[in-house]
Amino acid sequence: MMLFHHRNRDRNADTRRVYALFEIAHTAVDFLAALCFLVGSVLFLFPAFETPAVWLFILGSVFFMAKPTLRLVRELKLWRMGKLDRLARRETGDP
């Protein structure tokens, strides 16, 4: 079973649930990153708010960095779930 393969997410109800939860988290992080950059950009228009603007850009960057991390963690979890399924089938003698 390979990482980042569509079969991993559709294996059973549990893998579909895990995939959906990670997609929700990924979308939320994406939205938060965009919001940080938007608000930070507006704050840069006012010199008095330059420091909070910089912090929002840093926070937005952290959120953007979290996106591929979430995807990798999701794929590793789905991959592990597949390994457990194969082990359970082997132990019970199912094909």
Foldseek 3Di string as FASTA:
>chain_A
DDFPDPCLCVVDPVSVVLVVVLVVVLVVLLVQLVVLQVVLVVLVVPPVSPVVSVVSNVSSVVSVVVNVVSSVVSRVVSVVVVVVVVVVCVVVVHD
